[in-house]
Amino acid sequence: MSFAKAFSPALREIRIIFSQTGPASAGTRQFIVSKYPDIKKHNPDLPVLIREATGTPARAFARFARGVEQHVELENLSAPEVEAKVAELISS
């Protein structure tokens, strides 16, 4: 999925949590560096929260309308795999 488009209005927030130094979060860090600008460019009003904490497993959360929240695990994934998982999460 290309992040060069606006997301559904039902999507209220994206949170990405990962370790800033852990090798298991390397793909998540690369995903953020490469895709965050596109996400914000096409969805300027969507809150995209990036949280770094040493030793934290990499995960992404999406909050939708009516408080529905879903998440995916991103540990030990490459940047393209992280992109696929986040795209799957957002489209669910």
PDB file of N, CA and C in Angstrom:
ATOM      1  N   MET A   1       0.849  -1.185   0.000  1.00  0.00           N
ATOM      2  CA  MET A   1       0.000   0.000   0.000  1.00  0.00           C
ATOM      3  C   MET A   1       0.883   1.233   0.000  1.00  0.00           C
ATOM      4  N   SER A   2       0.516   2.157  -0.819  1.00  0.00           N
ATOM      5  CA  SER A   2       1.226   3.429  -0.832  1.00  0.00           C
ATOM      6  C   SER A   2       0.595   4.350   0.214  1.00  0.00           C
ATOM      7  N   PHE A   3       1.423   5.025   0.940  1.00  0.00           N
ATOM      8  CA  PHE A   3       0.910   5.957   1.944  1.00  0.00           C
ATOM      9  C   PHE A   3       0.729   7.346   1.346  1.00  0.00           C
ATOM     10  N   ALA A   4       0.689   7.427   0.024  1.00  0.00           N
ATOM     11  CA  ALA A   4       0.514   8.699  -0.657  1.00  0.00           C
ATOM     12  C   ALA A   4      -0.957   8.951  -0.961  1.00  0.00           C
ATOM     13  N   LYS A   5      -1.808   8.711   0.036  1.00  0.00           N
ATOM     14  CA  LYS A   5      -3.229   9.001  -0.127  1.00  0.00           C
ATOM     15  C   LYS A   5      -3.846   9.273   1.239  1.00  0.00           C
ATOM     16  N   ALA A   6      -5.008   9.890   1.212  1.00  0.00           N
ATOM     17  CA  ALA A   6      -5.714  10.174   2.458  1.00  0.00           C
ATOM     18  C   ALA A   6      -6.361   8.886   2.971  1.00  0.00           C
ATOM     19  N   PHE A   7      -6.347   8.706   4.273  1.00  0.00           N
ATOM     20  CA  PHE A   7      -6.948   7.541   4.898  1.00  0.00           C
ATOM     21  C   PHE A   7      -8.432   7.781   5.125  1.00  0.00           C
ATOM     22  N   SER A   8      -9.126   6.732   5.476  1.00  0.00           N
ATOM     23  CA  SER A   8     -10.555   6.797   5.772  1.00  0.00           C
ATOM     24  C   SER A   8     -10.815   7.772   6.917  1.00  0.00           C
ATOM     25  N   PRO A   9     -11.911   8.517   6.836  1.00  0.00           N
ATOM     26  CA  PRO A   9     -12.250   9.421   7.940  1.00  0.00           C
ATOM     27  C   PRO A   9     -12.555   8.675   9.241  1.00  0.00           C
ATOM     28  N   ALA A  10     -12.822   7.381   9.163  1.00  0.00           N
ATOM     29  CA  ALA A  10     -13.085   6.598  10.374  1.00  0.00           C
ATOM     30  C   ALA A  10     -11.823   6.417  11.218  1.00  0.00           C
ATOM     31  N   LEU A  11     -10.660   6.558  10.599  1.00  0.00           N
ATOM     32  CA  LEU A  11      -9.395   6.443  11.326  1.00  0.00           C
ATOM     33  C   LEU A  11      -9.167   7.732  12.114  1.00  0.00           C
ATOM     34  N   ARG A  12      -9.042   7.619  13.428  1.00  0.00           N
ATOM     35  CA  ARG A  12      -8.912   8.792  14.290  1.00  0.00           C
ATOM     36  C   ARG A  12      -7.487   9.057  14.765  1.00  0.00           C
ATOM     37  N   GLU A  13      -6.655   7.984  14.851  1.00  0.00           N
ATOM     38  CA  GLU A  13      -5.310   8.161  15.400  1.00  0.00           C
ATOM     39  C   GLU A  13      -4.467   6.935  15.078  1.00  0.00           C
ATOM     40  N   ILE A  14      -3.177   7.163  14.867  1.00  0.00           N
ATOM     41  CA  ILE A  14      -2.203   6.085  14.718  1.00  0.00           C
ATOM     42  C   ILE A  14      -1.138   6.296  15.784  1.00  0.00           C
ATOM     43  N   ARG A  15      -0.795   5.217  16.510  1.00  0.00           N
ATOM     44  CA  ARG A  15       0.289   5.268  17.489  1.00  0.00           C
ATOM     45  C   ARG A  15       1.296   4.182  17.141  1.00  0.00           C
ATOM     46  N   ILE A  16       2.551   4.553  17.102  1.00  0.00           N
ATOM     47  CA  ILE A  16       3.616   3.596  16.854  1.00  0.00           C
ATOM     48  C   ILE A  16       4.583   3.660  18.031  1.00  0.00           C
ATOM     49  N   ILE A  17       4.818   2.508  18.640  1.00  0.00           N
ATOM     50  CA  ILE A  17       5.659   2.411  19.828  1.00  0.00           C
ATOM     51  C   ILE A  17       6.799   1.456  19.509  1.00  0.00           C
ATOM     52  N   PHE A  18       8.026   1.835  19.876  1.00  0.00           N
ATOM     53  CA  PHE A  18       9.183   0.986  19.574  1.00  0.00           C
ATOM     54  C   PHE A  18      10.374   1.400  20.418  1.00  0.00           C
ATOM     55  N   SER A  19      11.405   0.560  20.386  1.00  0.00           N
ATOM     56  CA  SER A  19      12.659   0.860  21.080  1.00  0.00           C
ATOM     57  C   SER A  19      13.545   1.688  20.154  1.00  0.00           C
ATOM     58  N   GLN A  20      14.108   2.763  20.681  1.00  0.00           N
ATOM     59  CA  GLN A  20      14.946   3.631  19.834  1.00  0.00           C
ATOM     60  C   GLN A  20      16.319   3.037  19.534  1.00  0.00           C
ATOM     61  N   THR A  21      16.725   1.990  20.253  1.00  0.00           N
ATOM     62  CA  THR A  21      18.043   1.398  20.023  1.00  0.00           C
ATOM     63  C   THR A  21      18.005  -0.101  19.771  1.00  0.00           C
ATOM     64  N   GLY A  22      16.927  -0.770  20.083  1.00  0.00           N
ATOM     65  CA  GLY A  22      16.851  -2.220  19.965  1.00  0.00           C
ATOM     66  C   GLY A  22      16.874  -2.703  18.523  1.00  0.00           C
ATOM     67  N   PRO A  23      17.612  -3.776  18.240  1.00  0.00           N
ATOM     68  CA  PRO A  23      17.685  -4.304  16.877  1.00  0.00           C
ATOM     69  C   PRO A  23      16.344  -4.845  16.381  1.00  0.00           C
ATOM     70  N   ALA A  24      15.469  -5.287  17.257  1.00  0.00           N
ATOM     71  CA  ALA A  24      14.167  -5.807  16.849  1.00  0.00           C
ATOM     72  C   ALA A  24      13.243  -4.710  16.327  1.00  0.00           C
ATOM     73  N   SER A  25      13.574  -3.447  16.605  1.00  0.00           N
ATOM     74  CA  SER A  25      12.764  -2.311  16.154  1.00  0.00           C
ATOM     75  C   SER A  25      13.381  -1.589  14.959  1.00  0.00           C
ATOM     76  N   ALA A  26      14.444  -2.108  14.385  1.00  0.00           N
ATOM     77  CA  ALA A  26      15.137  -1.431  13.281  1.00  0.00           C
ATOM     78  C   ALA A  26      14.217  -1.190  12.083  1.00  0.00           C
ATOM     79  N   GLY A  27      13.422  -2.172  11.711  1.00  0.00           N
ATOM     80  CA  GLY A  27      12.506  -2.013  10.584  1.00  0.00           C
ATOM     81  C   GLY A  27      11.448  -0.961  10.843  1.00  0.00           C
ATOM     82  N   THR A  28      10.991  -0.887  12.076  1.00  0.00           N
ATOM     83  CA  THR A  28       9.992   0.118  12.452  1.00  0.00           C
ATOM     84  C   THR A  28      10.595   1.515  12.377  1.00  0.00           C
ATOM     85  N   ARG A  29      11.827   1.661  12.862  1.00  0.00           N
ATOM     86  CA  ARG A  29      12.495   2.970  12.775  1.00  0.00           C
ATOM     87  C   ARG A  29      12.667   3.399  11.318  1.00  0.00           C
ATOM     88  N   GLN A  30      13.076   2.472  10.458  1.00  0.00           N
ATOM     89  CA  GLN A  30      13.261   2.790   9.037  1.00  0.00           C
ATOM     90  C   GLN A  30      11.924   3.149   8.382  1.00  0.00           C
ATOM     91  N   PHE A  31      10.873   2.436   8.742  1.00  0.00           N
ATOM     92  CA  PHE A  31       9.536   2.740   8.218  1.00  0.00           C
ATOM     93  C   PHE A  31       9.137   4.172   8.574  1.00  0.00           C
ATOM     94  N   ILE A  32       9.366   4.562   9.814  1.00  0.00           N
ATOM     95  CA  ILE A  32       9.000   5.911  10.252  1.00  0.00           C
ATOM     96  C   ILE A  32       9.789   6.965   9.492  1.00  0.00           C
ATOM     97  N   VAL A  33      11.077   6.748   9.341  1.00  0.00           N
ATOM     98  CA  VAL A  33      11.915   7.714   8.625  1.00  0.00           C
ATOM     99  C   VAL A  33      11.444   7.876   7.176  1.00  0.00           C
ATOM    100  N   SER A  34      11.082   6.779   6.538  1.00  0.00           N
ATOM    101  CA  SER A  34      10.737   6.846   5.122  1.00  0.00           C
ATOM    102  C   SER A  34       9.272   7.184   4.845  1.00  0.00           C
ATOM    103  N   LYS A  35       8.347   6.784   5.713  1.00  0.00           N
ATOM    104  CA  LYS A  35       6.920   6.938   5.402  1.00  0.00           C
ATOM    105  C   LYS A  35       6.189   8.025   6.190  1.00  0.00           C
ATOM    106  N   TYR A  36       6.703   8.430   7.332  1.00  0.00           N
ATOM    107  CA  TYR A  36       6.015   9.445   8.135  1.00  0.00           C
ATOM    108  C   TYR A  36       5.739  10.730   7.334  1.00  0.00           C
ATOM    109  N   PRO A  37       6.707  11.253   6.577  1.00  0.00           N
ATOM    110  CA  PRO A  37       6.410  12.481   5.817  1.00  0.00           C
ATOM    111  C   PRO A  37       5.243  12.320   4.844  1.00  0.00           C
ATOM    112  N   ASP A  38       5.145  11.173   4.162  1.00  0.00           N
ATOM    113  CA  ASP A  38       4.026  10.943   3.241  1.00  0.00           C
ATOM    114  C   ASP A  38       2.704  10.852   3.980  1.00  0.00           C
ATOM    115  N   ILE A  39       2.712  10.146   5.103  1.00  0.00           N
ATOM    116  CA  ILE A  39       1.485  10.000   5.885  1.00  0.00           C
ATOM    117  C   ILE A  39       0.974  11.368   6.314  1.00  0.00           C
ATOM    118  N   LYS A  40       1.846  12.218   6.861  1.00  0.00           N
ATOM    119  CA  LYS A  40       1.430  13.539   7.332  1.00  0.00           C
ATOM    120  C   LYS A  40       1.090  14.480   6.181  1.00  0.00           C
ATOM    121  N   LYS A  41       1.764  14.329   5.066  1.00  0.00           N
ATOM    122  CA  LYS A  41       1.476  15.185   3.908  1.00  0.00           C
ATOM    123  C   LYS A  41       0.044  14.981   3.422  1.00  0.00           C
ATOM    124  N   HIS A  42      -0.406  13.733   3.372  1.00  0.00           N
ATOM    125  CA  HIS A  42      -1.727  13.416   2.841  1.00  0.00           C
ATOM    126  C   HIS A  42      -2.809  13.332   3.908  1.00  0.00           C
ATOM    127  N   ASN A  43      -2.423  13.379   5.180  1.00  0.00           N
ATOM    128  CA  ASN A  43      -3.363  13.319   6.302  1.00  0.00           C
ATOM    129  C   ASN A  43      -2.939  14.315   7.380  1.00  0.00           C
ATOM    130  N   PRO A  44      -2.923  15.608   7.063  1.00  0.00           N
ATOM    131  CA  PRO A  44      -2.350  16.588   7.994  1.00  0.00           C
ATOM    132  C   PRO A  44      -3.081  16.704   9.332  1.00  0.00           C
ATOM    133  N   ASP A  45      -4.355  16.369   9.379  1.00  0.00           N
ATOM    134  CA  ASP A  45      -5.110  16.502  10.629  1.00  0.00           C
ATOM    135  C   ASP A  45      -5.160  15.213  11.441  1.00  0.00           C
ATOM    136  N   LEU A  46      -4.585  14.142  10.919  1.00  0.00           N
ATOM    137  CA  LEU A  46      -4.595  12.864  11.620  1.00  0.00           C
ATOM    138  C   LEU A  46      -3.462  12.826  12.643  1.00  0.00           C
ATOM    139  N   PRO A  47      -3.774  12.599  13.915  1.00  0.00           N
ATOM    140  CA  PRO A  47      -2.701  12.458  14.897  1.00  0.00           C
ATOM    141  C   PRO A  47      -1.908  11.171  14.647  1.00  0.00           C
ATOM    142  N   VAL A  48      -0.611  11.321  14.463  1.00  0.00           N
ATOM    143  CA  VAL A  48       0.298  10.180  14.323  1.00  0.00           C
ATOM    144  C   VAL A  48       1.299  10.312  15.460  1.00  0.00           C
ATOM    145  N   LEU A  49       1.154   9.454  16.459  1.00  0.00           N
ATOM    146  CA  LEU A  49       1.979   9.536  17.653  1.00  0.00           C
ATOM    147  C   LEU A  49       3.111   8.527  17.568  1.00  0.00           C
ATOM    148  N   ILE A  50       4.329   9.003  17.736  1.00  0.00           N
ATOM    149  CA  ILE A  50       5.523   8.164  17.700  1.00  0.00           C
ATOM    150  C   ILE A  50       6.100   8.158  19.108  1.00  0.00           C
ATOM    151  N   ARG A  51       6.205   6.971  19.702  1.00  0.00           N
ATOM    152  CA  ARG A  51       6.723   6.847  21.061  1.00  0.00           C
ATOM    153  C   ARG A  51       7.903   5.898  21.081  1.00  0.00           C
ATOM    154  N   GLU A  52       9.010   6.376  21.629  1.00  0.00           N
ATOM    155  CA  GLU A  52      10.224   5.567  21.756  1.00  0.00           C
ATOM    156  C   GLU A  52      10.487   5.291  23.230  1.00  0.00           C
ATOM    157  N   ALA A  53      10.813   4.040  23.540  1.00  0.00           N
ATOM    158  CA  ALA A  53      11.152   3.666  24.908  1.00  0.00           C
ATOM    159  C   ALA A  53      12.069   2.453  24.853  1.00  0.00           C
ATOM    160  N   THR A  54      13.188   2.537  25.528  1.00  0.00           N
ATOM    161  CA  THR A  54      14.157   1.455  25.521  1.00  0.00           C
ATOM    162  C   THR A  54      13.525   0.151  25.974  1.00  0.00           C
ATOM    163  N   GLY A  55      13.758  -0.894  25.180  1.00  0.00           N
ATOM    164  CA  GLY A  55      13.271  -2.223  25.526  1.00  0.00           C
ATOM    165  C   GLY A  55      11.809  -2.481  25.220  1.00  0.00           C
ATOM    166  N   THR A  56      11.123  -1.517  24.642  1.00  0.00           N
ATOM    167  CA  THR A  56       9.708  -1.687  24.326  1.00  0.00           C
ATOM    168  C   THR A  56       9.545  -2.457  23.023  1.00  0.00           C
ATOM    169  N   PRO A  57       8.672  -3.455  23.000  1.00  0.00           N
ATOM    170  CA  PRO A  57       8.435  -4.163  21.733  1.00  0.00           C
ATOM    171  C   PRO A  57       7.731  -3.242  20.731  1.00  0.00           C
ATOM    172  N   ALA A  58       8.099  -3.383  19.467  1.00  0.00           N
ATOM    173  CA  ALA A  58       7.520  -2.538  18.420  1.00  0.00           C
ATOM    174  C   ALA A  58       6.085  -2.966  18.140  1.00  0.00           C
ATOM    175  N   ARG A  59       5.181  -1.976  18.184  1.00  0.00           N
ATOM    176  CA  ARG A  59       3.765  -2.218  17.928  1.00  0.00           C
ATOM    177  C   ARG A  59       3.153  -0.983  17.297  1.00  0.00           C
ATOM    178  N   ALA A  60       2.081  -1.179  16.559  1.00  0.00           N
ATOM    179  CA  ALA A  60       1.316  -0.064  15.993  1.00  0.00           C
ATOM    180  C   ALA A  60      -0.139  -0.219  16.410  1.00  0.00           C
ATOM    181  N   PHE A  61      -0.743   0.893  16.774  1.00  0.00           N
ATOM    182  CA  PHE A  61      -2.145   0.916  17.193  1.00  0.00           C
ATOM    183  C   PHE A  61      -2.898   1.868  16.274  1.00  0.00           C
ATOM    184  N   ALA A  62      -4.125   1.517  15.961  1.00  0.00           N
ATOM    185  CA  ALA A  62      -5.011   2.402  15.200  1.00  0.00           C
ATOM    186  C   ALA A  62      -6.308   2.543  15.979  1.00  0.00           C
ATOM    187  N   ARG A  63      -6.716   3.791  16.174  1.00  0.00           N
ATOM    188  CA  ARG A  63      -7.994   4.048  16.846  1.00  0.00           C
ATOM    189  C   ARG A  63      -8.966   4.549  15.792  1.00  0.00           C
ATOM    190  N   PHE A  64     -10.135   3.936  15.774  1.00  0.00           N
ATOM    191  CA  PHE A  64     -11.158   4.254  14.785  1.00  0.00           C
ATOM    192  C   PHE A  64     -12.351   4.925  15.462  1.00  0.00           C
ATOM    193  N   ALA A  65     -13.355   5.240  14.671  1.00  0.00           N
ATOM    194  CA  ALA A  65     -14.574   5.852  15.194  1.00  0.00           C
ATOM    195  C   ALA A  65     -15.177   4.971  16.283  1.00  0.00           C
ATOM    196  N   ARG A  66     -15.881   5.590  17.200  1.00  0.00           N
ATOM    197  CA  ARG A  66     -16.556   4.927  18.319  1.00  0.00           C
ATOM    198  C   ARG A  66     -15.591   4.230  19.269  1.00  0.00           C
ATOM    199  N   GLY A  67     -14.341   4.661  19.282  1.00  0.00           N
ATOM    200  CA  GLY A  67     -13.378   4.140  20.241  1.00  0.00           C
ATOM    201  C   GLY A  67     -12.816   2.767  19.944  1.00  0.00           C
ATOM    202  N   VAL A  68     -13.094   2.222  18.782  1.00  0.00           N
ATOM    203  CA  VAL A  68     -12.561   0.907  18.414  1.00  0.00           C
ATOM    204  C   VAL A  68     -11.059   1.036  18.196  1.00  0.00           C
ATOM    205  N   GLU A  69     -10.304   0.156  18.828  1.00  0.00           N
ATOM    206  CA  GLU A  69      -8.848   0.206  18.718  1.00  0.00           C
ATOM    207  C   GLU A  69      -8.314  -1.175  18.362  1.00  0.00           C
ATOM    208  N   GLN A  70      -7.359  -1.204  17.423  1.00  0.00           N
ATOM    209  CA  GLN A  70      -6.719  -2.455  17.019  1.00  0.00           C
ATOM    210  C   GLN A  70      -5.224  -2.232  16.996  1.00  0.00           C
ATOM    211  N   HIS A  71      -4.453  -3.332  17.103  1.00  0.00           N
ATOM    212  CA  HIS A  71      -3.003  -3.185  17.049  1.00  0.00           C
ATOM    213  C   HIS A  71      -2.365  -4.371  16.341  1.00  0.00           C
ATOM    214  N   VAL A  72      -1.118  -4.170  15.908  1.00  0.00           N
ATOM    215  CA  VAL A  72      -0.312  -5.228  15.296  1.00  0.00           C
ATOM    216  C   VAL A  72       1.076  -5.184  15.916  1.00  0.00           C
ATOM    217  N   GLU A  73       1.704  -6.348  15.985  1.00  0.00           N
ATOM    218  CA  GLU A  73       3.078  -6.471  16.479  1.00  0.00           C
ATOM    219  C   GLU A  73       4.034  -6.240  15.319  1.00  0.00           C
ATOM    220  N   LEU A  74       5.118  -5.487  15.557  1.00  0.00           N
ATOM    221  CA  LEU A  74       6.074  -5.149  14.506  1.00  0.00           C
ATOM    222  C   LEU A  74       7.495  -5.610  14.824  1.00  0.00           C
ATOM    223  N   GLU A  75       7.657  -6.391  15.874  1.00  0.00           N
ATOM    224  CA  GLU A  75       8.987  -6.856  16.292  1.00  0.00           C
ATOM    225  C   GLU A  75       9.654  -7.680  15.198  1.00  0.00           C
ATOM    226  N   ASN A  76      10.937  -7.424  14.977  1.00  0.00           N
ATOM    227  CA  ASN A  76      11.785  -8.197  14.066  1.00  0.00           C
ATOM    228  C   ASN A  76      11.291  -8.205  12.627  1.00  0.00           C
ATOM    229  N   LEU A  77      10.595  -7.151  12.206  1.00  0.00           N
ATOM    230  CA  LEU A  77      10.146  -7.055  10.824  1.00  0.00           C
ATOM    231  C   LEU A  77      11.004  -6.054  10.073  1.00  0.00           C
ATOM    232  N   SER A  78      11.157  -6.261   8.771  1.00  0.00           N
ATOM    233  CA  SER A  78      11.861  -5.293   7.930  1.00  0.00           C
ATOM    234  C   SER A  78      10.925  -4.117   7.650  1.00  0.00           C
ATOM    235  N   ALA A  79      11.471  -3.031   7.119  1.00  0.00           N
ATOM    236  CA  ALA A  79      10.651  -1.851   6.828  1.00  0.00           C
ATOM    237  C   ALA A  79       9.497  -2.171   5.869  1.00  0.00           C
ATOM    238  N   PRO A  80       9.717  -2.936   4.785  1.00  0.00           N
ATOM    239  CA  PRO A  80       8.576  -3.278   3.918  1.00  0.00           C
ATOM    240  C   PRO A  80       7.519  -4.136   4.625  1.00  0.00           C
ATOM    241  N   GLU A  81       7.962  -5.021   5.508  1.00  0.00           N
ATOM    242  CA  GLU A  81       7.004  -5.831   6.264  1.00  0.00           C
ATOM    243  C   GLU A  81       6.219  -4.969   7.247  1.00  0.00           C
ATOM    244  N   VAL A  82       6.882  -3.995   7.861  1.00  0.00           N
ATOM    245  CA  VAL A  82       6.198  -3.059   8.761  1.00  0.00           C
ATOM    246  C   VAL A  82       5.165  -2.269   7.966  1.00  0.00           C
ATOM    247  N   GLU A  83       5.541  -1.805   6.787  1.00  0.00           N
ATOM    248  CA  GLU A  83       4.611  -1.054   5.942  1.00  0.00           C
ATOM    249  C   GLU A  83       3.374  -1.894   5.622  1.00  0.00           C
ATOM    250  N   ALA A  84       3.575  -3.156   5.281  1.00  0.00           N
ATOM    251  CA  ALA A  84       2.448  -4.043   4.963  1.00  0.00           C
ATOM    252  C   ALA A  84       1.550  -4.249   6.178  1.00  0.00           C
ATOM    253  N   LYS A  85       2.141  -4.448   7.349  1.00  0.00           N
ATOM    254  CA  LYS A  85       1.361  -4.662   8.575  1.00  0.00           C
ATOM    255  C   LYS A  85       0.560  -3.401   8.940  1.00  0.00           C
ATOM    256  N   VAL A  86       1.191  -2.238   8.833  1.00  0.00           N
ATOM    257  CA  VAL A  86       0.499  -0.973   9.160  1.00  0.00           C
ATOM    258  C   VAL A  86      -0.619  -0.729   8.154  1.00  0.00           C
ATOM    259  N   ALA A  87      -0.376  -1.008   6.876  1.00  0.00           N
ATOM    260  CA  ALA A  87      -1.408  -0.847   5.855  1.00  0.00           C
ATOM    261  C   ALA A  87      -2.588  -1.764   6.144  1.00  0.00           C
ATOM    262  N   GLU A  88      -2.306  -2.980   6.548  1.00  0.00           N
ATOM    263  CA  GLU A  88      -3.362  -3.936   6.905  1.00  0.00           C
ATOM    264  C   GLU A  88      -4.157  -3.429   8.103  1.00  0.00           C
ATOM    265  N   LEU A  89      -3.461  -2.899   9.077  1.00  0.00           N
ATOM    266  CA  LEU A  89      -4.110  -2.358  10.279  1.00  0.00           C
ATOM    267  C   LEU A  89      -5.028  -1.196   9.925  1.00  0.00           C
ATOM    268  N   ILE A  90      -4.534  -0.285   9.122  1.00  0.00           N
ATOM    269  CA  ILE A  90      -5.297   0.918   8.769  1.00  0.00           C
ATOM    270  C   ILE A  90      -6.530   0.571   7.929  1.00  0.00           C
ATOM    271  N   SER A  91      -6.417  -0.419   7.084  1.00  0.00           N
ATOM    272  CA  SER A  91      -7.525  -0.778   6.220  1.00  0.00           C
ATOM    273  C   SER A  91      -8.545  -1.699   6.883  1.00  0.00           C
ATOM    274  N   SER A  92      -8.251  -2.171   8.082  1.00  0.00           N
ATOM    275  CA  SER A  92      -9.190  -3.100   8.751  1.00  0.00           C
ATOM    276  C   SER A  92     -10.409  -2.396   9.300  1.00  0.00           C
TER     277      SER A  92
END
